[in-house]
């Protein structure tokens, strides 16, 4: 981690006024010139763009040695992106695992901030299995099982096998990439936090993706490894069901995957959650066990969620899931509904009353709207980072 000595020593070394100081102490990382990467992506051609996020864009490129790469370009005006850039280098250069993406190097020329990763042929789970788009990949039950276990292995490594431990903070379908053999790789460490052994949690700004956020993290801004475990539980249910955790196009009672899974569990109908595309070609007992593990990971109380090593053991049938009591999941979607209702009410009041009348109505309803305003502020910060 010596490559970060300049960041620690000089707080302003990544500012526009000192664009080149960032590269002075970078070690153990290949440094690419901007011209090299521009050539590799054919001038960052839109035809080569394979991803887009709040940080910037990702392009497919061919390096000078013929290696295909995923080239992640941070937006020049994104201060948050620069922080994520630094974090991602710091985390990913210090660790290596078969279920984590591999960093080839970076570009820190002028005000350009670019990360160069190994290219993964089969994109992300969001683009293939979960997104409902057209994909030629056959996600059989053995393939899904292998993906779930691979992601669990990667998270177990981050949470328990490296020192200090690493909290990813943005486990979701679009951050699980698939190689040519459909082996999963956890990507995007821009939000990652290092957890010292003497800490139980880290207080930080709320960031991540709505639908995967643990309720206690979104509300109290305290992140722990159990926050990642909640996100993994949501992802697990998505992989088994083949659907996104939130889908407003479905009937109201099916908008959110986690409460739907809980209802099916209570009714003894978990097999109905399994992706219909699998037809009858899957292990019903194993699929239901995976759904139960997903619900264990998304329980409302963080203390009741299993560790990632326990989750891995349950996925591999080394730990009996049926001996575990499953309690009701934490359902953050209720805050989203409250926010939407408040927004609609405010818009209606603006249209139908004068500013004075509106002020009076807001005063009259202040007691009932205390919780909703908090929820609105929470989700404003959450949506600052879009996928």
Protein backbone atom coordinates (compact mmCIF):
# COMPACT_ATOMS: atom_id res chain seq x y z
CA UNK A 1 0.00 0.00 0.00
CA UNK A 2 3.02 2.25 -0.29
CA UNK A 3 1.52 3.72 -3.46
CA UNK A 4 -0.77 5.76 -1.25
CA UNK A 5 1.86 7.59 0.76
CA UNK A 6 1.41 10.77 -1.30
CA UNK A 7 -2.34 10.80 -0.64
CA UNK A 8 -1.82 10.56 3.08
CA UNK A 9 1.04 13.04 3.11
CA UNK A 10 -0.63 15.70 0.97
CA UNK A 11 -4.34 16.09 1.26
CA UNK A 12 -4.50 18.23 -1.87
CA UNK A 13 -2.40 16.07 -4.15
CA UNK A 14 -5.35 15.06 -6.35
CA UNK A 15 -6.65 18.55 -6.96
CA UNK A 16 -6.81 20.14 -10.40
CA UNK A 17 -3.99 22.49 -9.39
CA UNK A 18 -1.62 19.55 -8.85
CA UNK A 19 -2.80 16.97 -11.38
CA UNK A 20 0.46 15.05 -11.70
CA UNK A 21 1.50 14.67 -8.06
CA UNK A 22 -0.77 11.67 -7.68
CA UNK A 23 1.59 9.46 -9.67
CA UNK A 24 4.78 10.15 -7.74
CA UNK A 25 4.64 7.24 -5.31
CA UNK A 26 2.45 4.70 -7.13
CA UNK A 27 4.14 1.31 -6.97
CA UNK A 28 3.17 -2.26 -7.86
CA UNK A 29 0.74 -0.95 -10.49
CA UNK A 30 1.30 -0.69 -14.23
CA UNK A 31 1.06 2.91 -15.39
CA UNK A 32 -0.52 3.49 -18.81
CA UNK A 33 -0.39 6.70 -20.78
CA UNK A 34 -3.62 8.35 -21.83
CA UNK A 35 -2.57 7.95 -25.47
CA UNK A 36 -2.19 4.17 -25.00
CA UNK A 37 -5.68 3.81 -23.62
CA UNK A 38 -7.15 6.17 -26.19
CA UNK A 39 -5.69 3.95 -28.90
CA UNK A 40 -6.85 0.79 -27.13
CA UNK A 41 -10.47 1.99 -27.12
CA UNK A 42 -10.37 3.55 -30.62
CA UNK A 43 -10.66 7.03 -29.19
CA UNK A 44 -13.03 5.94 -26.42
CA UNK A 45 -15.54 5.12 -29.12
CA UNK A 46 -19.20 4.85 -28.03
CA UNK A 47 -19.23 1.51 -29.87
CA UNK A 48 -16.75 0.21 -27.29
CA UNK A 49 -18.65 1.47 -24.25
CA UNK A 50 -19.74 -1.47 -22.09
CA UNK A 51 -20.84 0.30 -18.91
CA UNK A 52 -21.95 3.59 -17.42
CA UNK A 53 -22.19 4.71 -13.80
CA UNK A 54 -22.09 7.72 -11.50
CA UNK A 55 -18.27 7.58 -11.64
CA UNK A 56 -18.01 7.72 -15.45
CA UNK A 57 -17.82 5.11 -18.23
CA UNK A 58 -16.28 1.70 -18.92
CA UNK A 59 -14.88 0.79 -22.35
CA UNK A 60 -13.68 -2.43 -23.91
CA UNK A 61 -10.16 -2.03 -25.26
CA UNK A 62 -7.23 -3.98 -26.66
CA UNK A 63 -3.86 -3.20 -25.08
CA UNK A 64 -0.62 -3.11 -27.07
CA UNK A 65 0.19 -6.72 -26.13
CA UNK A 66 -3.15 -7.86 -27.51
CA UNK A 67 -4.81 -8.31 -24.12
CA UNK A 68 -8.45 -7.30 -23.88
CA UNK A 69 -9.20 -4.94 -21.01
CA UNK A 70 -12.10 -3.16 -19.33
CA UNK A 71 -11.07 0.48 -19.12
CA UNK A 72 -12.88 2.47 -16.43
CA UNK A 73 -12.73 6.24 -17.02
CA UNK A 74 -13.68 8.58 -14.19
CA UNK A 75 -15.60 11.74 -15.03
CA UNK A 76 -13.23 14.70 -14.95
CA UNK A 77 -15.63 16.75 -12.83
CA UNK A 78 -16.45 13.98 -10.35
CA UNK A 79 -14.84 14.68 -6.97
CA UNK A 80 -16.56 11.61 -5.57
CA UNK A 81 -15.10 9.66 -8.48
CA UNK A 82 -11.55 10.65 -7.58
CA UNK A 83 -12.06 9.42 -4.02
CA UNK A 84 -13.42 6.16 -5.38
CA UNK A 85 -10.45 5.91 -7.75
CA UNK A 86 -7.98 6.17 -4.88
CA UNK A 87 -9.91 3.70 -2.76
CA UNK A 88 -10.18 1.20 -5.58
CA UNK A 89 -6.43 1.19 -6.25
CA UNK A 90 -5.64 0.93 -2.56
CA UNK A 91 -7.95 -2.03 -2.02
CA UNK A 92 -7.48 -4.02 -5.20
CA UNK A 93 -3.66 -3.81 -5.38
CA UNK A 94 -3.33 -5.27 -1.89
CA UNK A 95 -5.42 -8.40 -2.48
CA UNK A 96 -5.87 -11.17 -5.03
CA UNK A 97 -8.53 -13.87 -5.24
CA UNK A 98 -10.07 -15.95 -8.00
CA UNK A 99 -13.48 -14.37 -7.36
CA UNK A 100 -12.27 -10.75 -7.46
CA UNK A 101 -11.56 -8.73 -10.59
CA UNK A 102 -7.90 -8.30 -11.53
CA UNK A 103 -6.43 -4.81 -11.85
CA UNK A 104 -3.88 -4.47 -14.68
CA UNK A 105 -2.97 -0.87 -13.95
CA UNK A 106 -4.09 2.74 -14.16
CA UNK A 107 -3.57 6.08 -15.84
CA UNK A 108 -2.95 9.21 -13.75
CA UNK A 109 -1.75 11.48 -16.51
CA UNK A 110 -2.78 15.13 -16.18
CA UNK A 111 -6.30 15.22 -14.82
CA UNK A 112 -7.17 11.79 -16.25
CA UNK A 113 -8.09 9.05 -13.77
CA UNK A 114 -8.46 5.66 -15.47
CA UNK A 115 -8.43 2.10 -14.14
CA UNK A 116 -7.56 -0.85 -16.37
CA UNK A 117 -9.06 -4.23 -15.48
CA UNK A 118 -9.09 -7.64 -17.08
CA UNK A 119 -11.95 -7.90 -19.56
CA UNK A 120 -14.66 -10.39 -18.63
CA UNK A 121 -16.42 -11.77 -21.67
CA UNK A 122 -19.86 -12.37 -20.23
CA UNK A 123 -20.59 -8.96 -18.72
CA UNK A 124 -22.48 -8.70 -15.42
CA UNK A 125 -25.40 -10.51 -13.84
CA UNK A 126 -27.43 -7.32 -14.26
CA UNK A 127 -26.87 -7.37 -18.02
CA UNK A 128 -27.54 -11.07 -18.46
CA UNK A 129 -29.52 -12.99 -15.84
CA UNK A 130 -31.21 -10.28 -13.75
CA UNK A 131 -31.82 -7.50 -16.25
CA UNK A 132 -34.33 -9.34 -18.39
CA UNK A 133 -32.36 -8.47 -21.51
CA UNK A 134 -31.49 -10.79 -24.36
CA UNK A 135 -28.62 -13.11 -23.49
CA UNK A 136 -27.39 -16.30 -25.08
CA UNK A 137 -26.09 -17.58 -21.74
CA UNK A 138 -27.94 -20.59 -20.37
CA UNK A 139 -28.23 -20.00 -16.65
CA UNK A 140 -28.90 -23.59 -15.61
CA UNK A 141 -29.25 -24.42 -11.95
CA UNK A 142 -25.63 -25.72 -11.69
CA UNK A 143 -24.41 -22.43 -13.22
CA UNK A 144 -26.44 -20.36 -10.75
CA UNK A 145 -25.28 -22.50 -7.86
CA UNK A 146 -21.66 -22.00 -8.88
CA UNK A 147 -22.14 -18.22 -9.18
CA UNK A 148 -23.69 -17.98 -5.70
CA UNK A 149 -20.88 -19.99 -4.13
CA UNK A 150 -18.20 -18.06 -6.02
CA UNK A 151 -19.51 -14.68 -4.86
CA UNK A 152 -19.76 -16.04 -1.30
CA UNK A 153 -16.13 -17.19 -1.49
CA UNK A 154 -15.02 -13.75 -2.64
CA UNK A 155 -16.92 -11.99 0.13
CA UNK A 156 -15.67 -14.44 2.76
CA UNK A 157 -12.13 -13.61 1.64
CA UNK A 158 -12.77 -9.87 1.96
CA UNK A 159 -14.56 -10.11 5.31
CA UNK A 160 -12.47 -12.68 7.12
CA UNK A 161 -9.22 -13.59 5.37
CA UNK A 162 -7.56 -10.22 4.69
CA UNK A 163 -6.27 -7.83 7.33
CA UNK A 164 -7.68 -5.28 7.75
CA UNK A 165 -11.06 -6.68 6.74
CA UNK A 166 -12.77 -5.12 3.75
CA UNK A 167 -16.42 -4.07 3.52
CA UNK A 168 -17.39 -3.77 -0.14
CA UNK A 169 -20.51 -1.56 0.40
CA UNK A 170 -21.93 -2.07 -3.10
CA UNK A 171 -22.65 -5.76 -3.65
CA UNK A 172 -25.22 -5.92 -6.46
CA UNK A 173 -25.91 -7.71 -9.74
CA UNK A 174 -24.10 -5.13 -11.89
CA UNK A 175 -20.93 -5.55 -9.80
CA UNK A 176 -20.78 -9.32 -10.31
CA UNK A 177 -18.96 -9.96 -13.58
CA UNK A 178 -18.69 -13.31 -15.38
CA UNK A 179 -15.64 -14.65 -17.20
CA UNK A 180 -15.72 -16.93 -20.24
CA UNK A 181 -16.37 -19.93 -17.97
CA UNK A 182 -19.14 -18.08 -16.09
CA UNK A 183 -16.99 -17.84 -12.97
CA UNK A 184 -18.11 -14.78 -10.95
CA UNK A 185 -15.80 -11.89 -10.09
CA UNK A 186 -16.69 -9.16 -7.60
CA UNK A 187 -15.91 -5.74 -9.07
CA UNK A 188 -16.07 -2.00 -8.25
CA UNK A 189 -14.24 -1.39 -4.99
CA UNK A 190 -14.72 2.37 -5.15
CA UNK A 191 -16.93 2.42 -2.06
CA UNK A 192 -14.96 -0.16 -0.07
CA UNK A 193 -13.97 0.50 3.52
CA UNK A 194 -11.17 -1.09 5.54
CA UNK A 195 -12.31 -2.35 8.95
CA UNK A 196 -9.67 -2.54 11.69
CA UNK A 197 -9.95 -5.48 14.12
CA UNK A 198 -10.81 -3.17 17.02
CA UNK A 199 -13.84 -1.63 15.24
CA UNK A 200 -17.40 -2.99 15.15
CA UNK A 201 -18.64 -0.52 12.54
CA UNK A 202 -17.69 2.51 10.49
CA UNK A 203 -19.77 5.69 10.40
CA UNK A 204 -19.83 6.99 6.85
CA UNK A 205 -22.02 8.65 4.27
CA UNK A 206 -24.77 6.43 2.93
CA UNK A 207 -23.82 5.15 -0.50
CA UNK A 208 -24.66 2.12 -2.53
CA UNK A 209 -27.71 1.05 -4.48
CA UNK A 210 -31.32 1.17 -3.30
CA UNK A 211 -32.78 -2.31 -3.10
CA UNK A 212 -29.54 -3.81 -1.77
CA UNK A 213 -29.00 -1.48 1.20
CA UNK A 214 -29.33 -2.86 4.70
CA UNK A 215 -31.94 -0.78 6.59
CA UNK A 216 -29.70 -0.03 9.58
CA UNK A 217 -27.00 1.29 7.26
CA UNK A 218 -29.38 3.54 5.30
CA UNK A 219 -30.94 4.93 8.48
CA UNK A 220 -27.97 5.25 10.86
CA UNK A 221 -25.09 5.55 8.36
CA UNK A 222 -23.20 2.81 10.21
CA UNK A 223 -21.71 0.19 7.93
CA UNK A 224 -20.55 -3.27 9.05
CA UNK A 225 -19.79 -6.56 7.37
CA UNK A 226 -23.43 -7.46 8.06
CA UNK A 227 -24.40 -4.70 5.63
CA UNK A 228 -22.61 -6.58 2.85
CA UNK A 229 -24.29 -9.79 3.99
CA UNK A 230 -27.72 -8.18 3.63
CA UNK A 231 -26.82 -7.14 0.08
CA UNK A 232 -25.58 -10.64 -0.69
CA UNK A 233 -28.88 -12.08 0.57
CA UNK A 234 -30.80 -9.87 -1.85
CA UNK A 235 -28.46 -10.91 -4.68
CA UNK A 236 -28.92 -14.58 -3.78
CA UNK A 237 -32.70 -14.27 -4.07
CA UNK A 238 -32.25 -12.50 -7.42
CA UNK A 239 -30.08 -15.28 -8.82
CA UNK A 240 -32.51 -18.01 -7.75
CA UNK A 241 -35.60 -16.15 -9.00
CA UNK A 242 -34.01 -14.61 -12.09
CA UNK A 243 -35.63 -11.24 -11.35
CA UNK A 244 -34.52 -7.84 -10.09
CA UNK A 245 -35.14 -6.98 -6.43
CA UNK A 246 -37.45 -4.12 -7.47
CA UNK A 247 -39.83 -4.19 -10.43
CA UNK A 248 -42.62 -1.59 -10.49
CA UNK A 249 -44.10 -3.12 -13.65
CA UNK A 250 -45.37 -6.11 -11.68
CA UNK A 251 -48.55 -6.08 -9.56
CA UNK A 252 -48.17 -4.00 -6.37
CA UNK A 253 -47.80 -7.04 -4.11
CA UNK A 254 -44.84 -8.23 -6.21
CA UNK A 255 -42.91 -4.95 -6.59
CA UNK A 256 -40.24 -6.03 -4.09
CA UNK A 257 -38.50 -9.40 -4.11
CA UNK A 258 -37.52 -9.72 -0.43
CA UNK A 259 -41.03 -9.36 1.07
CA UNK A 260 -42.36 -11.63 -1.69
CA UNK A 261 -39.81 -14.28 -0.70
CA UNK A 262 -40.75 -13.87 2.97
CA UNK A 263 -44.44 -14.37 2.22
CA UNK A 264 -43.68 -17.50 0.21
CA UNK A 265 -41.49 -18.82 3.03
CA UNK A 266 -44.27 -18.28 5.58
CA UNK A 267 -46.71 -20.08 3.28
CA UNK A 268 -44.33 -22.96 2.63
CA UNK A 269 -44.16 -22.09 -1.08
CA UNK A 270 -40.53 -21.13 -1.64
CA UNK A 271 -40.31 -23.37 -4.70
CA UNK A 272 -42.61 -20.89 -6.47
CA UNK A 273 -39.89 -18.24 -6.22
CA UNK A 274 -37.53 -20.24 -8.44
CA UNK A 275 -37.08 -18.85 -11.97
CA UNK A 276 -39.74 -20.32 -14.28
CA UNK A 277 -37.13 -20.49 -17.06
CA UNK A 278 -35.56 -23.41 -15.23
CA UNK A 279 -38.83 -25.33 -15.66
CA UNK A 280 -38.34 -28.57 -13.73
CA UNK A 281 -34.62 -28.84 -14.42
CA UNK A 282 -33.33 -27.92 -10.99
CA UNK A 283 -32.82 -29.34 -7.51
CA UNK A 284 -35.92 -28.15 -5.64
CA UNK A 285 -34.48 -28.87 -2.19
CA UNK A 286 -31.26 -27.01 -2.97
CA UNK A 287 -33.04 -24.04 -4.56
CA UNK A 288 -35.31 -23.69 -1.51
CA UNK A 289 -32.28 -23.92 0.75
CA UNK A 290 -30.63 -21.06 -1.16
CA UNK A 291 -33.80 -18.98 -0.72
CA UNK A 292 -33.74 -19.65 3.03
CA UNK A 293 -30.10 -18.54 3.16
CA UNK A 294 -31.07 -15.36 1.33
CA UNK A 295 -33.73 -14.67 3.95
CA UNK A 296 -31.28 -15.42 6.78
CA UNK A 297 -28.93 -12.80 5.30
CA UNK A 298 -31.67 -10.16 5.02
CA UNK A 299 -33.06 -10.45 8.55
CA UNK A 300 -33.95 -7.13 10.15
CA UNK A 301 -31.52 -7.53 13.05
CA UNK A 302 -27.90 -7.42 11.83
CA UNK A 303 -26.84 -9.60 14.76
CA UNK A 304 -29.02 -12.44 13.48
CA UNK A 305 -27.45 -12.49 10.04
CA UNK A 306 -24.83 -15.23 9.61
CA UNK A 307 -21.19 -14.49 8.87
CA UNK A 308 -20.04 -14.96 5.28
CA UNK A 309 -18.08 -18.09 6.18
CA UNK A 310 -21.28 -19.53 7.67
CA UNK A 311 -23.21 -18.51 4.55
CA UNK A 312 -20.61 -20.29 2.41
CA UNK A 313 -20.90 -23.38 4.59
CA UNK A 314 -24.68 -23.38 4.21
CA UNK A 315 -24.49 -22.94 0.43
CA UNK A 316 -22.13 -25.94 0.24
CA UNK A 317 -24.38 -28.06 2.53
CA UNK A 318 -21.71 -28.13 5.24
CA UNK A 319 -24.02 -26.33 7.69
CA UNK A 320 -27.68 -27.27 8.18
CA UNK A 321 -29.93 -24.37 7.22
CA UNK A 322 -33.08 -25.95 8.65
CA UNK A 323 -31.66 -25.65 12.17
CA UNK A 324 -31.59 -21.87 11.81
CA UNK A 325 -34.57 -19.76 12.85
CA UNK A 326 -35.44 -17.20 10.19
CA UNK A 327 -37.00 -13.93 11.32
CA UNK A 328 -38.70 -11.22 9.29
CA UNK A 329 -36.42 -9.37 6.86
CA UNK A 330 -35.57 -5.69 7.11
CA UNK A 331 -37.67 -3.94 4.49
CA UNK A 332 -36.22 -0.62 3.45
CA UNK A 333 -38.71 -0.33 0.58
CA UNK A 334 -41.25 1.11 3.05
CA UNK A 335 -39.15 4.30 3.16
CA UNK A 336 -39.25 4.50 -0.63
CA UNK A 337 -43.05 4.28 -0.61
CA UNK A 338 -43.28 6.98 2.07
CA UNK A 339 -40.99 9.23 0.07
CA UNK A 340 -43.02 8.74 -3.10
CA UNK A 341 -46.27 9.45 -1.28
CA UNK A 342 -44.83 12.60 0.29
CA UNK A 343 -43.56 13.82 -3.08
CA UNK A 344 -46.97 13.34 -4.66
CA UNK A 345 -48.68 15.11 -1.75
CA UNK A 346 -46.27 18.08 -1.90
CA UNK A 347 -46.75 18.45 -5.64
CA UNK A 348 -50.52 18.42 -5.20
CA UNK A 349 -50.32 21.07 -2.47
CA UNK A 350 -48.15 23.36 -4.62
CA UNK A 351 -50.63 23.16 -7.47
CA UNK A 352 -53.79 23.68 -5.41
CA UNK A 353 -52.85 26.27 -2.78
CA UNK A 354 -51.10 29.58 -2.42
CA UNK A 355 -47.66 29.66 -0.84
CA UNK A 356 -49.20 30.91 2.40
CA UNK A 357 -51.80 28.17 2.41
CA UNK A 358 -49.17 25.57 1.67
CA UNK A 359 -47.06 26.78 4.58
CA UNK A 360 -50.07 26.47 6.90
CA UNK A 361 -50.77 22.93 5.80
CA UNK A 362 -47.14 21.93 6.27
CA UNK A 363 -47.20 23.34 9.81
CA UNK A 364 -50.40 21.42 10.59
CA UNK A 365 -48.91 18.15 9.38
CA UNK A 366 -45.40 18.55 10.83
CA UNK A 367 -45.86 15.86 13.46
CA UNK A 368 -46.90 13.21 10.95
CA UNK A 369 -44.21 14.12 8.43
CA UNK A 370 -41.17 13.99 10.71
CA UNK A 371 -40.40 10.38 9.80
CA UNK A 372 -41.12 10.87 6.12
CA UNK A 373 -38.79 13.84 5.79
CA UNK A 374 -36.02 11.75 7.34
CA UNK A 375 -36.72 8.99 4.86
CA UNK A 376 -36.61 11.48 2.00
CA UNK A 377 -33.23 12.81 3.11
CA UNK A 378 -31.91 9.28 3.46
CA UNK A 379 -32.88 8.33 -0.04
CA UNK A 380 -31.61 11.55 -1.52
CA UNK A 381 -28.13 10.54 -0.39
CA UNK A 382 -28.62 6.96 -1.51
CA UNK A 383 -29.57 7.92 -5.02
CA UNK A 384 -26.51 10.16 -5.35
CA UNK A 385 -24.72 7.02 -6.58
CA UNK A 386 -26.66 5.51 -9.44
CA UNK A 387 -25.77 2.16 -10.96
